[in-house]
Amino acid sequence: MRFLRRKRLAAVVAAVAALGVAGVAYAQIPDSAGVIHSCYLKSGGALRVIDSSVTKCKSTETSLNWNQKGATGPKGATGASGASGPTGPTGPAGVSLFANVAADGTLINGSGALSVNKTATPRYEVTFDRDISMCAGSAVVGGTGTPTTVASGAAGIVQTGLIGNDVARTSFNDGGTFESTDFKLIIVC
């Protein structure tokens, strides 16, 4: 009979211990805000961690709480610059097209220039051998190497615009009058 009592007592102790372990495993430590709650004994300093939603400190204990995560620290110093990367490949060369045009509309020479059409205004339309729609153009009066005289438009307004994909239009205006003159036209792409 004594043997039976000891067996029952052992089973009860085991059940209580299992419930205690299950209770600790279920406890909210740290709580949902990340705070760890504990109690320490005023005399002797023994510390025990608790689930504050279930357990409170005894009258002989003092509550002690701390965060699992501390406050954000100050920003650190900027790190050293990294090493330079390798030099990239050389890009394609830019395209420069030009035309030397006589006052009568004759194409004297050029690079990529195919023909010149002189209109009655007079305006000069220079056709090139490629698309120049994404290029920029500029014209300068005179200096084509022909024996003609530079027109008075040298001091006037030079207008150069791209029309179509392969044609540049240039005109020279001196005080409201369009003039015929030798010129150099450059197109840079």
Protein backbone atom coordinates (compact mmCIF):
# COMPACT_ATOMS: atom_id res chain seq x y z
CA MET A 1 0.00 0.00 0.00
CA ARG A 2 2.85 2.32 0.77
CA PHE A 3 4.22 1.51 -2.62
CA LEU A 4 0.94 2.55 -4.26
CA ARG A 5 0.91 5.87 -2.35
CA ARG A 6 4.42 6.66 -3.49
CA LYS A 7 3.47 5.91 -7.07
CA ARG A 8 0.45 8.24 -6.88
CA LEU A 9 2.52 10.93 -5.20
CA ALA A 10 5.15 10.67 -7.96
CA ALA A 11 2.43 10.95 -10.64
CA VAL A 12 0.93 14.05 -8.96
CA VAL A 13 4.37 15.70 -8.63
CA ALA A 14 5.11 14.93 -12.29
CA ALA A 15 1.76 16.43 -13.38
CA VAL A 16 2.33 19.60 -11.35
CA ALA A 17 5.83 19.95 -12.76
CA ALA A 18 4.51 19.50 -16.32
CA LEU A 19 1.89 22.20 -15.74
CA GLY A 20 4.55 24.52 -14.36
CA VAL A 21 6.76 23.99 -17.41
CA ALA A 22 3.79 24.53 -19.73
CA GLY A 23 2.90 27.74 -17.87
CA VAL A 24 6.43 29.10 -18.21
CA ALA A 25 6.50 28.18 -21.91
CA TYR A 26 3.21 30.03 -22.45
CA ALA A 27 4.25 33.13 -20.47
CA GLN A 28 4.63 36.45 -22.31
CA ILE A 29 8.30 37.17 -21.65
CA PRO A 30 9.10 39.70 -22.94
CA ASP A 31 5.67 41.31 -23.23
CA SER A 32 4.22 42.61 -26.51
CA ALA A 33 6.10 45.92 -26.07
CA GLY A 34 9.43 44.08 -25.71
CA VAL A 35 9.70 44.78 -21.94
CA ILE A 36 11.09 42.12 -19.60
CA HIS A 37 9.52 42.25 -16.11
CA SER A 38 11.19 40.91 -12.97
CA CYS A 39 11.19 41.10 -9.19
CA TYR A 40 14.24 41.24 -6.94
CA LEU A 41 14.36 40.50 -3.25
CA LYS A 42 15.12 43.63 -1.20
CA SER A 43 17.38 41.67 1.12
CA GLY A 44 19.73 39.30 -0.65
CA GLY A 45 19.02 40.58 -4.21
CA ALA A 46 17.61 37.34 -5.66
CA LEU A 47 16.08 38.07 -9.09
CA ARG A 48 13.20 36.28 -10.79
CA VAL A 49 11.71 37.02 -14.21
CA ILE A 50 7.89 37.14 -14.31
CA ASP A 51 4.97 37.47 -16.70
CA SER A 52 3.48 40.71 -15.38
CA SER A 53 0.05 39.90 -16.83
CA VAL A 54 -0.14 36.88 -14.53
CA THR A 55 2.30 37.44 -11.63
CA LYS A 56 3.00 40.45 -9.39
CA CYS A 57 5.98 41.14 -7.14
CA LYS A 58 5.61 40.23 -3.45
CA SER A 59 5.70 42.90 -0.74
CA THR A 60 9.31 41.89 0.06
CA GLU A 61 10.35 42.40 -3.59
CA THR A 62 10.94 45.41 -5.82
CA SER A 63 9.84 45.53 -9.47
CA LEU A 64 12.62 45.85 -12.05
CA ASN A 65 11.86 46.17 -15.80
CA TRP A 66 14.07 46.60 -18.86
CA ASN A 67 13.72 46.61 -22.64
CA GLN A 68 14.97 43.81 -24.78
CA LYS A 69 16.01 46.48 -27.31
CA GLY A 70 17.69 49.71 -26.24
CA ALA A 71 17.23 53.20 -27.59
CA THR A 72 18.69 54.02 -31.00
CA GLY A 73 22.23 55.28 -30.75
CA PRO A 74 23.72 58.27 -32.58
CA LYS A 75 24.59 57.97 -36.25
CA GLY A 76 28.12 56.73 -36.84
CA ALA A 77 30.78 58.52 -38.83
CA THR A 78 30.72 58.22 -42.61
CA GLY A 79 32.92 55.42 -43.86
CA ALA A 80 35.87 55.86 -46.17
CA SER A 81 35.23 56.11 -49.90
CA GLY A 82 35.52 52.91 -51.84
CA ALA A 83 38.13 52.30 -54.50
CA SER A 84 37.52 53.72 -57.97
CA GLY A 85 36.02 51.35 -60.45
CA PRO A 86 37.73 50.43 -63.70
CA THR A 87 37.65 52.88 -66.60
CA GLY A 88 34.81 52.22 -68.97
CA PRO A 89 35.27 51.59 -72.66
CA THR A 90 35.82 54.55 -74.97
CA GLY A 91 32.60 55.73 -76.53
CA PRO A 92 32.12 56.17 -80.25
CA ALA A 93 33.61 59.29 -81.82
CA GLY A 94 31.24 62.17 -82.44
CA VAL A 95 30.31 62.94 -86.00
CA SER A 96 31.20 66.29 -87.53
CA LEU A 97 29.80 67.10 -90.94
CA PHE A 98 30.56 70.29 -92.84
CA ALA A 99 29.92 72.11 -96.09
CA ASN A 100 31.75 75.01 -97.74
CA VAL A 101 29.18 76.73 -99.93
CA ALA A 102 29.68 79.54 -102.48
CA ALA A 103 27.26 82.45 -102.68
CA ASP A 104 25.71 81.02 -105.86
CA GLY A 105 24.87 77.73 -104.04
CA THR A 106 27.78 75.67 -105.36
CA LEU A 107 29.06 73.02 -102.92
CA ILE A 108 32.82 73.72 -102.92
CA ASN A 109 33.75 70.87 -100.58
CA GLY A 110 32.57 69.18 -97.39
CA SER A 111 32.31 66.05 -95.32
CA GLY A 112 29.03 64.20 -95.63
CA ALA A 113 27.48 67.04 -97.68
CA LEU A 114 25.80 65.77 -100.86
CA SER A 115 24.21 68.85 -102.45
CA VAL A 116 23.07 72.45 -101.95
CA ASN A 117 19.78 73.97 -103.10
CA LYS A 118 19.69 77.79 -103.16
CA THR A 119 16.13 79.15 -103.02
CA ALA A 120 14.89 82.53 -104.28
CA THR A 121 14.78 84.06 -100.75
CA PRO A 122 17.85 83.32 -100.79
CA ARG A 123 18.12 80.41 -98.40
CA TYR A 124 20.55 77.54 -98.71
CA GLU A 125 19.39 73.97 -98.08
CA VAL A 126 22.33 71.60 -97.64
CA THR A 127 21.57 67.86 -97.91
CA PHE A 128 23.79 65.42 -95.99
CA ASP A 129 24.38 61.70 -96.40
CA ARG A 130 22.84 60.73 -93.04
CA ASP A 131 20.16 61.59 -90.50
CA ILE A 132 21.02 64.87 -88.75
CA SER A 133 17.75 65.28 -86.83
CA MET A 134 19.52 64.78 -83.46
CA CYS A 135 22.45 67.07 -84.34
CA ALA A 136 23.24 70.77 -83.92
CA GLY A 137 24.29 73.12 -86.69
CA SER A 138 26.10 76.44 -87.00
CA ALA A 139 27.07 78.59 -90.00
CA VAL A 140 29.73 81.25 -90.46
CA VAL A 141 29.70 83.82 -93.26
CA GLY A 142 32.60 83.82 -95.74
CA GLY A 143 35.94 82.05 -95.85
CA THR A 144 35.15 79.29 -98.33
CA GLY A 145 38.43 79.70 -100.19
CA THR A 146 36.72 81.02 -103.33
CA PRO A 147 37.67 84.39 -104.79
CA THR A 148 34.27 85.95 -104.02
CA THR A 149 33.76 88.87 -101.66
CA VAL A 150 32.22 88.30 -98.22
CA ALA A 151 28.74 89.80 -98.21
CA SER A 152 27.68 92.50 -95.78
CA GLY A 153 25.65 89.78 -93.99
CA ALA A 154 28.81 88.93 -92.07
CA ALA A 155 27.59 91.32 -89.41
CA GLY A 156 23.98 90.19 -89.63
CA ILE A 157 21.95 87.39 -88.12
CA VAL A 158 22.82 83.85 -89.19
CA GLN A 159 19.92 81.42 -88.95
CA THR A 160 20.51 77.69 -89.19
CA GLY A 161 17.78 75.14 -88.69
CA LEU A 162 17.36 71.47 -89.45
CA ILE A 163 14.51 70.57 -91.76
CA GLY A 164 13.76 66.97 -92.49
CA ASN A 165 16.18 64.25 -91.40
CA ASP A 166 19.09 65.13 -93.68
CA VAL A 167 18.73 68.81 -94.68
CA ALA A 168 20.06 71.94 -92.95
CA ARG A 169 18.64 75.33 -93.98
CA THR A 170 20.82 78.42 -93.59
CA SER A 171 20.00 82.05 -94.36
CA PHE A 172 21.80 85.36 -93.77
CA ASN A 173 19.91 88.48 -92.80
CA ASP A 174 21.55 91.89 -92.71
CA GLY A 175 19.12 94.50 -91.40
CA GLY A 176 15.97 92.78 -92.68
CA THR A 177 17.30 91.74 -96.10
CA PHE A 178 18.29 88.17 -96.92
CA GLU A 179 21.61 88.05 -98.77
CA SER A 180 23.59 85.66 -100.90
CA THR A 181 27.01 84.96 -99.44
CA ASP A 182 29.74 82.36 -99.14
CA PHE A 183 29.48 80.38 -95.90
CA LYS A 184 30.73 77.41 -93.92
CA LEU A 185 28.21 75.12 -92.28
CA ILE A 186 29.13 72.61 -89.58
CA ILE A 187 26.84 69.92 -88.16
CA VAL A 188 27.87 68.22 -84.92
CA CYS A 189 26.19 65.01 -83.83
